[in-house]
Amino acid sequence: DYGGIQMSFHKEQFFANISLEFDIDLRPALNNIVNMHVHMYLIVVFWL
């Protein structure tokens, strides 16, 4: 979510909160395709 990167500030530190998601295709699994979905938030902390 490029447009949804959230910036915040707390005690002289800056936080970038990045949301990302993707699918996982597992094949062939017992002659079937198993699909999974992953969603997570990545947080980066930085300061001067």
ModelCIF file with pLDDT and N, C-alpha, C, O atoms, coordinates in Angstrom:
data_MODEL
#
_entry.id   MODEL 
#
_entity.id                         1 
_entity.type                       polymer 
_entity.pdbx_number_of_molecules   1 
#
_entity_poly.entity_id                      1 
_entity_poly.type                           'polypeptide(L)' 
_entity_poly.nstd_linkage                   no 
_entity_poly.nstd_monomer                   no 
_entity_poly.pdbx_seq_one_letter_code       DYGGIQMSFHKEQFFANISLEFDIDLRPALNNIVNMHVHMYLIVVFWL 
_entity_poly.pdbx_seq_one_letter_code_can   DYGGIQMSFHKEQFFANISLEFDIDLRPALNNIVNMHVHMYLIVVFWL 
_entity_poly.pdbx_strand_id                 A 
#
loop_
_entity_poly_seq.entity_id 
_entity_poly_seq.num 
_entity_poly_seq.mon_id 
_entity_poly_seq.hetero 
1 1  ASP n 
1 2  TYR n 
1 3  GLY n 
1 4  GLY n 
1 5  ILE n 
1 6  GLN n 
1 7  MET n 
1 8  SER n 
1 9  PHE n 
1 10 HIS n 
1 11 LYS n 
1 12 GLU n 
1 13 GLN n 
1 14 PHE n 
1 15 PHE n 
1 16 ALA n 
1 17 ASN n 
1 18 ILE n 
1 19 SER n 
1 20 LEU n 
1 21 GLU n 
1 22 PHE n 
1 23 ASP n 
1 24 ILE n 
1 25 ASP n 
1 26 LEU n 
1 27 ARG n 
1 28 PRO n 
1 29 ALA n 
1 30 LEU n 
1 31 ASN n 
1 32 ASN n 
1 33 ILE n 
1 34 VAL n 
1 35 ASN n 
1 36 MET n 
1 37 HIS n 
1 38 VAL n 
1 39 HIS n 
1 40 MET n 
1 41 TYR n 
1 42 LEU n 
1 43 ILE n 
1 44 VAL n 
1 45 VAL n 
1 46 PHE n 
1 47 TRP n 
1 48 LEU n 
#
_struct_asym.id          A 
_struct_asym.entity_id   1 
#
loop_
_ma_qa_metric.id 
_ma_qa_metric.mode 
_ma_qa_metric.name 
_ma_qa_metric.software_group_id 
_ma_qa_metric.type 
1 global pLDDT . pLDDT 
2 local  pLDDT . pLDDT 
#
_ma_qa_metric_global.metric_id      1 
_ma_qa_metric_global.metric_value   85.81 
_ma_qa_metric_global.model_id       1 
_ma_qa_metric_global.ordinal_id     1 
#
loop_
_ma_qa_metric_local.label_asym_id 
_ma_qa_metric_local.label_comp_id 
_ma_qa_metric_local.label_seq_id 
_ma_qa_metric_local.metric_id 
_ma_qa_metric_local.metric_value 
_ma_qa_metric_local.model_id 
_ma_qa_metric_local.ordinal_id 
A ASP 1  2 89.00 1 1  
A TYR 2  2 87.00 1 2  
A GLY 3  2 85.00 1 3  
A GLY 4  2 86.00 1 4  
A ILE 5  2 90.00 1 5  
A GLN 6  2 90.00 1 6  
A MET 7  2 88.00 1 7  
A SER 8  2 87.00 1 8  
A PHE 9  2 83.00 1 9  
A HIS 10 2 82.00 1 10 
A LYS 11 2 78.00 1 11 
A GLU 12 2 79.00 1 12 
A GLN 13 2 85.00 1 13 
A PHE 14 2 88.00 1 14 
A PHE 15 2 91.00 1 15 
A ALA 16 2 93.00 1 16 
A ASN 17 2 94.00 1 17 
A ILE 18 2 95.00 1 18 
A SER 19 2 94.00 1 19 
A LEU 20 2 93.00 1 20 
A GLU 21 2 95.00 1 21 
A PHE 22 2 95.00 1 22 
A ASP 23 2 95.00 1 23 
A ILE 24 2 92.00 1 24 
A ASP 25 2 89.00 1 25 
A LEU 26 2 83.00 1 26 
A ARG 27 2 74.00 1 27 
A PRO 28 2 62.00 1 28 
A ALA 29 2 54.00 1 29 
A LEU 30 2 52.00 1 30 
A ASN 31 2 58.00 1 31 
A ASN 32 2 66.00 1 32 
A ILE 33 2 74.00 1 33 
A VAL 34 2 81.00 1 34 
A ASN 35 2 88.00 1 35 
A MET 36 2 91.00 1 36 
A HIS 37 2 94.00 1 37 
A VAL 38 2 95.00 1 38 
A HIS 39 2 95.00 1 39 
A MET 40 2 95.00 1 40 
A TYR 41 2 95.00 1 41 
A LEU 42 2 95.00 1 42 
A ILE 43 2 95.00 1 43 
A VAL 44 2 95.00 1 44 
A VAL 45 2 93.00 1 45 
A PHE 46 2 90.00 1 46 
A TRP 47 2 87.00 1 47 
A LEU 48 2 84.00 1 48 
#
loop_
_atom_site.group_PDB 
_atom_site.id 
_atom_site.type_symbol 
_atom_site.label_atom_id 
_atom_site.label_alt_id 
_atom_site.label_comp_id 
_atom_site.label_asym_id 
_atom_site.label_entity_id 
_atom_site.label_seq_id 
_atom_site.pdbx_PDB_ins_code 
_atom_site.Cartn_x 
_atom_site.Cartn_y 
_atom_site.Cartn_z 
_atom_site.occupancy 
_atom_site.B_iso_or_equiv 
_atom_site.pdbx_formal_charge 
_atom_site.auth_seq_id 
_atom_site.auth_comp_id 
_atom_site.auth_asym_id 
_atom_site.auth_atom_id 
_atom_site.pdbx_PDB_model_num 
ATOM 1   N N  . ASP A 1 1  ? 0.846  -1.193  0.000  1.00 89.00 ? 1  ASP A N  1 
ATOM 2   C CA . ASP A 1 1  ? 0.000  0.000   0.000  1.00 89.00 ? 1  ASP A CA 1 
ATOM 3   C C  . ASP A 1 1  ? 0.883  1.245   0.000  1.00 89.00 ? 1  ASP A C  1 
ATOM 4   O O  . ASP A 1 1  ? 1.123  1.852   1.044  1.00 89.00 ? 1  ASP A O  1 
ATOM 5   N N  . TYR A 1 2  ? 1.370  1.622   -1.209 1.00 87.00 ? 2  TYR A N  1 
ATOM 6   C CA . TYR A 1 2  ? 2.288  2.753   -1.317 1.00 87.00 ? 2  TYR A CA 1 
ATOM 7   C C  . TYR A 1 2  ? 1.649  4.045   -0.809 1.00 87.00 ? 2  TYR A C  1 
ATOM 8   O O  . TYR A 1 2  ? 2.293  4.847   -0.133 1.00 87.00 ? 2  TYR A O  1 
ATOM 9   N N  . GLY A 1 3  ? 0.383  4.232   -1.143 1.00 85.00 ? 3  GLY A N  1 
ATOM 10  C CA . GLY A 1 3  ? -0.303 5.450   -0.724 1.00 85.00 ? 3  GLY A CA 1 
ATOM 11  C C  . GLY A 1 3  ? -0.701 5.439   0.732  1.00 85.00 ? 3  GLY A C  1 
ATOM 12  O O  . GLY A 1 3  ? -1.144 6.457   1.264  1.00 85.00 ? 3  GLY A O  1 
ATOM 13  N N  . GLY A 1 4  ? -0.548 4.288   1.393  1.00 86.00 ? 4  GLY A N  1 
ATOM 14  C CA . GLY A 1 4  ? -0.984 4.177   2.784  1.00 86.00 ? 4  GLY A CA 1 
ATOM 15  C C  . GLY A 1 4  ? 0.152  4.073   3.778  1.00 86.00 ? 4  GLY A C  1 
ATOM 16  O O  . GLY A 1 4  ? -0.075 3.697   4.928  1.00 86.00 ? 4  GLY A O  1 
ATOM 17  N N  . ILE A 1 5  ? 1.386  4.400   3.363  1.00 90.00 ? 5  ILE A N  1 
ATOM 18  C CA . ILE A 1 5  ? 2.500  4.384   4.307  1.00 90.00 ? 5  ILE A CA 1 
ATOM 19  C C  . ILE A 1 5  ? 2.259  5.457   5.362  1.00 90.00 ? 5  ILE A C  1 
ATOM 20  O O  . ILE A 1 5  ? 2.137  6.638   5.040  1.00 90.00 ? 5  ILE A O  1 
ATOM 21  N N  . GLN A 1 6  ? 2.192  5.042   6.613  1.00 90.00 ? 6  GLN A N  1 
ATOM 22  C CA . GLN A 1 6  ? 1.865  5.952   7.708  1.00 90.00 ? 6  GLN A CA 1 
ATOM 23  C C  . GLN A 1 6  ? 3.135  6.399   8.426  1.00 90.00 ? 6  GLN A C  1 
ATOM 24  O O  . GLN A 1 6  ? 3.955  5.573   8.827  1.00 90.00 ? 6  GLN A O  1 
ATOM 25  N N  . MET A 1 7  ? 3.288  7.700   8.583  1.00 88.00 ? 7  MET A N  1 
ATOM 26  C CA . MET A 1 7  ? 4.417  8.257   9.321  1.00 88.00 ? 7  MET A CA 1 
ATOM 27  C C  . MET A 1 7  ? 3.927  8.779   10.669 1.00 88.00 ? 7  MET A C  1 
ATOM 28  O O  . MET A 1 7  ? 2.867  9.399   10.756 1.00 88.00 ? 7  MET A O  1 
ATOM 29  N N  . SER A 1 8  ? 4.708  8.523   11.719 1.00 87.00 ? 8  SER A N  1 
ATOM 30  C CA . SER A 1 8  ? 4.359  9.037   13.046 1.00 87.00 ? 8  SER A CA 1 
ATOM 31  C C  . SER A 1 8  ? 5.629  9.444   13.781 1.00 87.00 ? 8  SER A C  1 
ATOM 32  O O  . SER A 1 8  ? 6.737  9.073   13.394 1.00 87.00 ? 8  SER A O  1 
ATOM 33  N N  . PHE A 1 9  ? 5.446  10.212  14.844 1.00 83.00 ? 9  PHE A N  1 
ATOM 34  C CA . PHE A 1 9  ? 6.567  10.772  15.584 1.00 83.00 ? 9  PHE A CA 1 
ATOM 35  C C  . PHE A 1 9  ? 6.310  10.581  17.072 1.00 83.00 ? 9  PHE A C  1 
ATOM 36  O O  . PHE A 1 9  ? 5.222  10.875  17.568 1.00 83.00 ? 9  PHE A O  1 
ATOM 37  N N  . HIS A 1 10 ? 7.340  10.077  17.793 1.00 82.00 ? 10 HIS A N  1 
ATOM 38  C CA . HIS A 1 10 ? 7.183  9.872   19.234 1.00 82.00 ? 10 HIS A CA 1 
ATOM 39  C C  . HIS A 1 10 ? 8.554  9.897   19.897 1.00 82.00 ? 10 HIS A C  1 
ATOM 40  O O  . HIS A 1 10 ? 9.434  9.114   19.542 1.00 82.00 ? 10 HIS A O  1 
ATOM 41  N N  . LYS A 1 11 ? 8.733  10.788  20.851 1.00 78.00 ? 11 LYS A N  1 
ATOM 42  C CA . LYS A 1 11 ? 9.967  10.890  21.627 1.00 78.00 ? 11 LYS A CA 1 
ATOM 43  C C  . LYS A 1 11 ? 11.207 10.957  20.733 1.00 78.00 ? 11 LYS A C  1 
ATOM 44  O O  . LYS A 1 11 ? 12.144 10.173  20.887 1.00 78.00 ? 11 LYS A O  1 
ATOM 45  N N  . GLU A 1 12 ? 11.192 11.901  19.805 1.00 79.00 ? 12 GLU A N  1 
ATOM 46  C CA . GLU A 1 12 ? 12.328 12.166  18.917 1.00 79.00 ? 12 GLU A CA 1 
ATOM 47  C C  . GLU A 1 12 ? 12.579 11.054  17.907 1.00 79.00 ? 12 GLU A C  1 
ATOM 48  O O  . GLU A 1 12 ? 13.570 11.100  17.178 1.00 79.00 ? 12 GLU A O  1 
ATOM 49  N N  . GLN A 1 13 ? 11.700 10.057  17.851 1.00 85.00 ? 13 GLN A N  1 
ATOM 50  C CA . GLN A 1 13 ? 11.869 8.980   16.891 1.00 85.00 ? 13 GLN A CA 1 
ATOM 51  C C  . GLN A 1 13 ? 10.725 9.002   15.886 1.00 85.00 ? 13 GLN A C  1 
ATOM 52  O O  . GLN A 1 13 ? 9.596  9.374   16.205 1.00 85.00 ? 13 GLN A O  1 
ATOM 53  N N  . PHE A 1 14 ? 11.049 8.591   14.662 1.00 88.00 ? 14 PHE A N  1 
ATOM 54  C CA . PHE A 1 14 ? 10.068 8.551   13.594 1.00 88.00 ? 14 PHE A CA 1 
ATOM 55  C C  . PHE A 1 14 ? 9.769  7.101   13.238 1.00 88.00 ? 14 PHE A C  1 
ATOM 56  O O  . PHE A 1 14 ? 10.654 6.246   13.250 1.00 88.00 ? 14 PHE A O  1 
ATOM 57  N N  . PHE A 1 15 ? 8.506  6.845   12.922 1.00 91.00 ? 15 PHE A N  1 
ATOM 58  C CA . PHE A 1 15 ? 8.062  5.490   12.620 1.00 91.00 ? 15 PHE A CA 1 
ATOM 59  C C  . PHE A 1 15 ? 7.377  5.485   11.249 1.00 91.00 ? 15 PHE A C  1 
ATOM 60  O O  . PHE A 1 15 ? 6.489  6.293   10.980 1.00 91.00 ? 15 PHE A O  1 
ATOM 61  N N  . ALA A 1 16 ? 7.806  4.561   10.399 1.00 93.00 ? 16 ALA A N  1 
ATOM 62  C CA . ALA A 1 16 ? 7.129  4.342   9.122  1.00 93.00 ? 16 ALA A CA 1 
ATOM 63  C C  . ALA A 1 16 ? 6.428  2.994   9.207  1.00 93.00 ? 16 ALA A C  1 
ATOM 64  O O  . ALA A 1 16 ? 7.074  1.967   9.419  1.00 93.00 ? 16 ALA A O  1 
ATOM 65  N N  . ASN A 1 17 ? 5.118  2.992   9.044  1.00 94.00 ? 17 ASN A N  1 
ATOM 66  C CA . ASN A 1 17 ? 4.306  1.777   9.128  1.00 94.00 ? 17 ASN A CA 1 
ATOM 67  C C  . ASN A 1 17 ? 3.871  1.397   7.714  1.00 94.00 ? 17 ASN A C  1 
ATOM 68  O O  . ASN A 1 17 ? 3.113  2.124   7.072  1.00 94.00 ? 17 ASN A O  1 
ATOM 69  N N  . ILE A 1 18 ? 4.356  0.255   7.239  1.00 95.00 ? 18 ILE A N  1 
ATOM 70  C CA . ILE A 1 18 ? 4.138  -0.154  5.849  1.00 95.00 ? 18 ILE A CA 1 
ATOM 71  C C  . ILE A 1 18 ? 3.303  -1.428  5.809  1.00 95.00 ? 18 ILE A C  1 
ATOM 72  O O  . ILE A 1 18 ? 3.673  -2.435  6.411  1.00 95.00 ? 18 ILE A O  1 
ATOM 73  N N  . SER A 1 19 ? 2.188  -1.385  5.108  1.00 94.00 ? 19 SER A N  1 
ATOM 74  C CA . SER A 1 19 ? 1.302  -2.544  4.977  1.00 94.00 ? 19 SER A CA 1 
ATOM 75  C C  . SER A 1 19 ? 1.605  -3.266  3.660  1.00 94.00 ? 19 SER A C  1 
ATOM 76  O O  . SER A 1 19 ? 1.681  -2.646  2.599  1.00 94.00 ? 19 SER A O  1 
ATOM 77  N N  . LEU A 1 20 ? 1.774  -4.585  3.752  1.00 93.00 ? 20 LEU A N  1 
ATOM 78  C CA . LEU A 1 20 ? 1.994  -5.366  2.530  1.00 93.00 ? 20 LEU A CA 1 
ATOM 79  C C  . LEU A 1 20 ? 1.320  -6.725  2.643  1.00 93.00 ? 20 LEU A C  1 
ATOM 80  O O  . LEU A 1 20 ? 1.119  -7.253  3.737  1.00 93.00 ? 20 LEU A O  1 
ATOM 81  N N  . GLU A 1 21 ? 0.976  -7.275  1.486  1.00 95.00 ? 21 GLU A N  1 
ATOM 82  C CA . GLU A 1 21 ? 0.302  -8.565  1.443  1.00 95.00 ? 21 GLU A CA 1 
ATOM 83  C C  . GLU A 1 21 ? 0.617  -9.271  0.135  1.00 95.00 ? 21 GLU A C  1 
ATOM 84  O O  . GLU A 1 21 ? 0.986  -8.641  -0.856 1.00 95.00 ? 21 GLU A O  1 
ATOM 85  N N  . PHE A 1 22 ? 0.464  -10.592 0.147  1.00 95.00 ? 22 PHE A N  1 
ATOM 86  C CA . PHE A 1 22 ? 0.712  -11.380 -1.055 1.00 95.00 ? 22 PHE A CA 1 
ATOM 87  C C  . PHE A 1 22 ? 0.082  -12.762 -0.887 1.00 95.00 ? 22 PHE A C  1 
ATOM 88  O O  . PHE A 1 22 ? -0.362 -13.135 0.199  1.00 95.00 ? 22 PHE A O  1 
ATOM 89  N N  . ASP A 1 23 ? 0.055  -13.512 -1.992 1.00 95.00 ? 23 ASP A N  1 
ATOM 90  C CA . ASP A 1 23 ? -0.481 -14.872 -1.980 1.00 95.00 ? 23 ASP A CA 1 
ATOM 91  C C  . ASP A 1 23 ? 0.674  -15.868 -2.076 1.00 95.00 ? 23 ASP A C  1 
ATOM 92  O O  . ASP A 1 23 ? 1.754  -15.543 -2.569 1.00 95.00 ? 23 ASP A O  1 
ATOM 93  N N  . ILE A 1 24 ? 0.427  -17.071 -1.602 1.00 92.00 ? 24 ILE A N  1 
ATOM 94  C CA . ILE A 1 24 ? 1.375  -18.171 -1.734 1.00 92.00 ? 24 ILE A CA 1 
ATOM 95  C C  . ILE A 1 24 ? 0.662  -19.325 -2.430 1.00 92.00 ? 24 ILE A C  1 
ATOM 96  O O  . ILE A 1 24 ? -0.392 -19.776 -1.982 1.00 92.00 ? 24 ILE A O  1 
ATOM 97  N N  . ASP A 1 25 ? 1.245  -19.798 -3.528 1.00 89.00 ? 25 ASP A N  1 
ATOM 98  C CA . ASP A 1 25 ? 0.699  -20.937 -4.256 1.00 89.00 ? 25 ASP A CA 1 
ATOM 99  C C  . ASP A 1 25 ? 1.576  -22.146 -4.001 1.00 89.00 ? 25 ASP A C  1 
ATOM 100 O O  . ASP A 1 25 ? 2.766  -22.142 -4.316 1.00 89.00 ? 25 ASP A O  1 
ATOM 101 N N  . LEU A 1 26 ? 0.982  -23.178 -3.431 1.00 83.00 ? 26 LEU A N  1 
ATOM 102 C CA . LEU A 1 26 ? 1.687  -24.426 -3.150 1.00 83.00 ? 26 LEU A CA 1 
ATOM 103 C C  . LEU A 1 26 ? 1.186  -25.463 -4.142 1.00 83.00 ? 26 LEU A C  1 
ATOM 104 O O  . LEU A 1 26 ? 0.010  -25.824 -4.128 1.00 83.00 ? 26 LEU A O  1 
ATOM 105 N N  . ARG A 1 27 ? 2.084  -25.947 -5.011 1.00 74.00 ? 27 ARG A N  1 
ATOM 106 C CA . ARG A 1 27 ? 1.667  -26.905 -6.031 1.00 74.00 ? 27 ARG A CA 1 
ATOM 107 C C  . ARG A 1 27 ? 2.813  -27.825 -6.420 1.00 74.00 ? 27 ARG A C  1 
ATOM 108 O O  . ARG A 1 27 ? 3.971  -27.420 -6.314 1.00 74.00 ? 27 ARG A O  1 
ATOM 109 N N  . PRO A 1 28 ? 2.538  -29.051 -6.866 1.00 62.00 ? 28 PRO A N  1 
ATOM 110 C CA . PRO A 1 28 ? 1.242  -29.720 -6.687 1.00 62.00 ? 28 PRO A CA 1 
ATOM 111 C C  . PRO A 1 28 ? 1.189  -30.343 -5.306 1.00 62.00 ? 28 PRO A C  1 
ATOM 112 O O  . PRO A 1 28 ? 2.136  -31.021 -4.907 1.00 62.00 ? 28 PRO A O  1 
ATOM 113 N N  . ALA A 1 29 ? 0.131  -30.138 -4.577 1.00 54.00 ? 29 ALA A N  1 
ATOM 114 C CA . ALA A 1 29 ? -0.039 -30.722 -3.248 1.00 54.00 ? 29 ALA A CA 1 
ATOM 115 C C  . ALA A 1 29 ? -1.142 -31.765 -3.328 1.00 54.00 ? 29 ALA A C  1 
ATOM 116 O O  . ALA A 1 29 ? -2.327 -31.434 -3.391 1.00 54.00 ? 29 ALA A O  1 
ATOM 117 N N  . LEU A 1 30 ? -0.733 -33.037 -3.323 1.00 52.00 ? 30 LEU A N  1 
ATOM 118 C CA . LEU A 1 30 ? -1.700 -34.134 -3.493 1.00 52.00 ? 30 LEU A CA 1 
ATOM 119 C C  . LEU A 1 30 ? -2.562 -33.883 -4.725 1.00 52.00 ? 30 LEU A C  1 
ATOM 120 O O  . LEU A 1 30 ? -3.782 -34.049 -4.707 1.00 52.00 ? 30 LEU A O  1 
ATOM 121 N N  . ASN A 1 31 ? -1.872 -33.472 -5.810 1.00 58.00 ? 31 ASN A N  1 
ATOM 122 C CA . ASN A 1 31 ? -2.513 -33.191 -7.105 1.00 58.00 ? 31 ASN A CA 1 
ATOM 123 C C  . ASN A 1 31 ? -3.463 -31.999 -7.052 1.00 58.00 ? 31 ASN A C  1 
ATOM 124 O O  . ASN A 1 31 ? -4.269 -31.811 -7.963 1.00 58.00 ? 31 ASN A O  1 
ATOM 125 N N  . ASN A 1 32 ? -3.376 -31.200 -6.003 1.00 66.00 ? 32 ASN A N  1 
ATOM 126 C CA . ASN A 1 32 ? -4.189 -29.992 -5.899 1.00 66.00 ? 32 ASN A CA 1 
ATOM 127 C C  . ASN A 1 32 ? -3.280 -28.775 -5.776 1.00 66.00 ? 32 ASN A C  1 
ATOM 128 O O  . ASN A 1 32 ? -2.077 -28.903 -5.547 1.00 66.00 ? 32 ASN A O  1 
ATOM 129 N N  . ILE A 1 33 ? -3.867 -27.606 -5.930 1.00 74.00 ? 33 ILE A N  1 
ATOM 130 C CA . ILE A 1 33 ? -3.154 -26.353 -5.679 1.00 74.00 ? 33 ILE A CA 1 
ATOM 131 C C  . ILE A 1 33 ? -3.720 -25.765 -4.398 1.00 74.00 ? 33 ILE A C  1 
ATOM 132 O O  . ILE A 1 33 ? -4.929 -25.570 -4.273 1.00 74.00 ? 33 ILE A O  1 
ATOM 133 N N  . VAL A 1 34 ? -2.842 -25.486 -3.452 1.00 81.00 ? 34 VAL A N  1 
ATOM 134 C CA . VAL A 1 34 ? -3.260 -24.870 -2.191 1.00 81.00 ? 34 VAL A CA 1 
ATOM 135 C C  . VAL A 1 34 ? -2.843 -23.412 -2.216 1.00 81.00 ? 34 VAL A C  1 
ATOM 136 O O  . VAL A 1 34 ? -1.670 -23.097 -2.421 1.00 81.00 ? 34 VAL A O  1 
ATOM 137 N N  . ASN A 1 35 ? -3.797 -22.530 -2.009 1.00 88.00 ? 35 ASN A N  1 
ATOM 138 C CA . ASN A 1 35 ? -3.539 -21.092 -2.018 1.00 88.00 ? 35 ASN A CA 1 
ATOM 139 C C  . ASN A 1 35 ? -3.646 -20.525 -0.608 1.00 88.00 ? 35 ASN A C  1 
ATOM 140 O O  . ASN A 1 35 ? -4.570 -20.838 0.143  1.00 88.00 ? 35 ASN A O  1 
ATOM 141 N N  . MET A 1 36 ? -2.674 -19.681 -0.271 1.00 91.00 ? 36 MET A N  1 
ATOM 142 C CA . MET A 1 36 ? -2.687 -18.990 1.015  1.00 91.00 ? 36 MET A CA 1 
ATOM 143 C C  . MET A 1 36 ? -2.530 -17.491 0.780  1.00 91.00 ? 36 MET A C  1 
ATOM 144 O O  . MET A 1 36 ? -2.030 -17.051 -0.256 1.00 91.00 ? 36 MET A O  1 
ATOM 145 N N  . HIS A 1 37 ? -2.971 -16.728 1.767  1.00 94.00 ? 37 HIS A N  1 
ATOM 146 C CA . HIS A 1 37 ? -2.833 -15.271 1.694  1.00 94.00 ? 37 HIS A CA 1 
ATOM 147 C C  . HIS A 1 37 ? -2.120 -14.783 2.947  1.00 94.00 ? 37 HIS A C  1 
ATOM 148 O O  . HIS A 1 37 ? -2.430 -15.204 4.061  1.00 94.00 ? 37 HIS A O  1 
ATOM 149 N N  . VAL A 1 38 ? -1.149 -13.878 2.742  1.00 95.00 ? 38 VAL A N  1 
ATOM 150 C CA . VAL A 1 38 ? -0.349 -13.350 3.853  1.00 95.00 ? 38 VAL A CA 1 
ATOM 151 C C  . VAL A 1 38 ? -0.515 -11.834 3.912  1.00 95.00 ? 38 VAL A C  1 
ATOM 152 O O  . VAL A 1 38 ? -0.446 -11.156 2.886  1.00 95.00 ? 38 VAL A O  1 
ATOM 153 N N  . HIS A 1 39 ? -0.731 -11.312 5.101  1.00 95.00 ? 39 HIS A N  1 
ATOM 154 C CA . HIS A 1 39 ? -0.812 -9.868  5.306  1.00 95.00 ? 39 HIS A CA 1 
ATOM 155 C C  . HIS A 1 39 ? 0.000  -9.513  6.539  1.00 95.00 ? 39 HIS A C  1 
ATOM 156 O O  . HIS A 1 39 ? -0.065 -10.213 7.549  1.00 95.00 ? 39 HIS A O  1 
ATOM 157 N N  . MET A 1 40 ? 0.773  -8.417  6.464  1.00 95.00 ? 40 MET A N  1 
ATOM 158 C CA . MET A 1 40 ? 1.608  -8.028  7.599  1.00 95.00 ? 40 MET A CA 1 
ATOM 159 C C  . MET A 1 40 ? 1.894  -6.532  7.557  1.00 95.00 ? 40 MET A C  1 
ATOM 160 O O  . MET A 1 40 ? 1.672  -5.864  6.546  1.00 95.00 ? 40 MET A O  1 
ATOM 161 N N  . TYR A 1 41 ? 2.391  -6.027  8.678  1.00 95.00 ? 41 TYR A N  1 
ATOM 162 C CA . TYR A 1 41 ? 2.829  -4.640  8.793  1.00 95.00 ? 41 TYR A CA 1 
ATOM 163 C C  . TYR A 1 41 ? 4.310  -4.608  9.146  1.00 95.00 ? 41 TYR A C  1 
ATOM 164 O O  . TYR A 1 41 ? 4.760  -5.282  10.073 1.00 95.00 ? 41 TYR A O  1 
ATOM 165 N N  . LEU A 1 42 ? 5.050  -3.820  8.396  1.00 95.00 ? 42 LEU A N  1 
ATOM 166 C CA . LEU A 1 42 ? 6.472  -3.636  8.649  1.00 95.00 ? 42 LEU A CA 1 
ATOM 167 C C  . LEU A 1 42 ? 6.681  -2.248  9.246  1.00 95.00 ? 42 LEU A C  1 
ATOM 168 O O  . LEU A 1 42 ? 6.176  -1.259  8.714  1.00 95.00 ? 42 LEU A O  1 
ATOM 169 N N  . ILE A 1 43 ? 7.418  -2.173  10.340 1.00 95.00 ? 43 ILE A N  1 
ATOM 170 C CA . ILE A 1 43 ? 7.650  -0.895  11.029 1.00 95.00 ? 43 ILE A CA 1 
ATOM 171 C C  . ILE A 1 43 ? 9.137  -0.568  10.989 1.00 95.00 ? 43 ILE A C  1 
ATOM 172 O O  . ILE A 1 43 ? 9.979  -1.400  11.328 1.00 95.00 ? 43 ILE A O  1 
ATOM 173 N N  . VAL A 1 44 ? 9.449  0.665   10.568 1.00 95.00 ? 44 VAL A N  1 
ATOM 174 C CA . VAL A 1 44 ? 10.826 1.142   10.521 1.00 95.00 ? 44 VAL A CA 1 
ATOM 175 C C  . VAL A 1 44 ? 10.958 2.318   11.490 1.00 95.00 ? 44 VAL A C  1 
ATOM 176 O O  . VAL A 1 44 ? 10.163 3.257   11.445 1.00 95.00 ? 44 VAL A O  1 
ATOM 177 N N  . VAL A 1 45 ? 11.965 2.261   12.365 1.00 93.00 ? 45 VAL A N  1 
ATOM 178 C CA . VAL A 1 45 ? 12.209 3.322   13.342 1.00 93.00 ? 45 VAL A CA 1 
ATOM 179 C C  . VAL A 1 45 ? 13.524 4.011   12.982 1.00 93.00 ? 45 VAL A C  1 
ATOM 180 O O  . VAL A 1 45 ? 14.530 3.343   12.746 1.00 93.00 ? 45 VAL A O  1 
ATOM 181 N N  . PHE A 1 46 ? 13.518 5.348   12.940 1.00 90.00 ? 46 PHE A N  1 
ATOM 182 C CA . PHE A 1 46 ? 14.746 6.082   12.631 1.00 90.00 ? 46 PHE A CA 1 
ATOM 183 C C  . PHE A 1 46 ? 14.712 7.451   13.290 1.00 90.00 ? 46 PHE A C  1 
ATOM 184 O O  . PHE A 1 46 ? 13.648 7.946   13.664 1.00 90.00 ? 46 PHE A O  1 
ATOM 185 N N  . TRP A 1 47 ? 15.887 8.059   13.430 1.00 87.00 ? 47 TRP A N  1 
ATOM 186 C CA . TRP A 1 47 ? 15.993 9.373   14.070 1.00 87.00 ? 47 TRP A CA 1 
ATOM 187 C C  . TRP A 1 47 ? 17.299 10.019  13.655 1.00 87.00 ? 47 TRP A C  1 
ATOM 188 O O  . TRP A 1 47 ? 18.169 9.381   13.062 1.00 87.00 ? 47 TRP A O  1 
ATOM 189 N N  . LEU A 1 48 ? 17.420 11.303  13.980 1.00 84.00 ? 48 LEU A N  1 
ATOM 190 C CA . LEU A 1 48 ? 18.659 12.045  13.727 1.00 84.00 ? 48 LEU A CA 1 
ATOM 191 C C  . LEU A 1 48 ? 19.405 12.199  15.052 1.00 84.00 ? 48 LEU A C  1 
ATOM 192 O O  . LEU A 1 48 ? 20.482 12.793  15.089 1.00 84.00 ? 48 LEU A O  1 
#
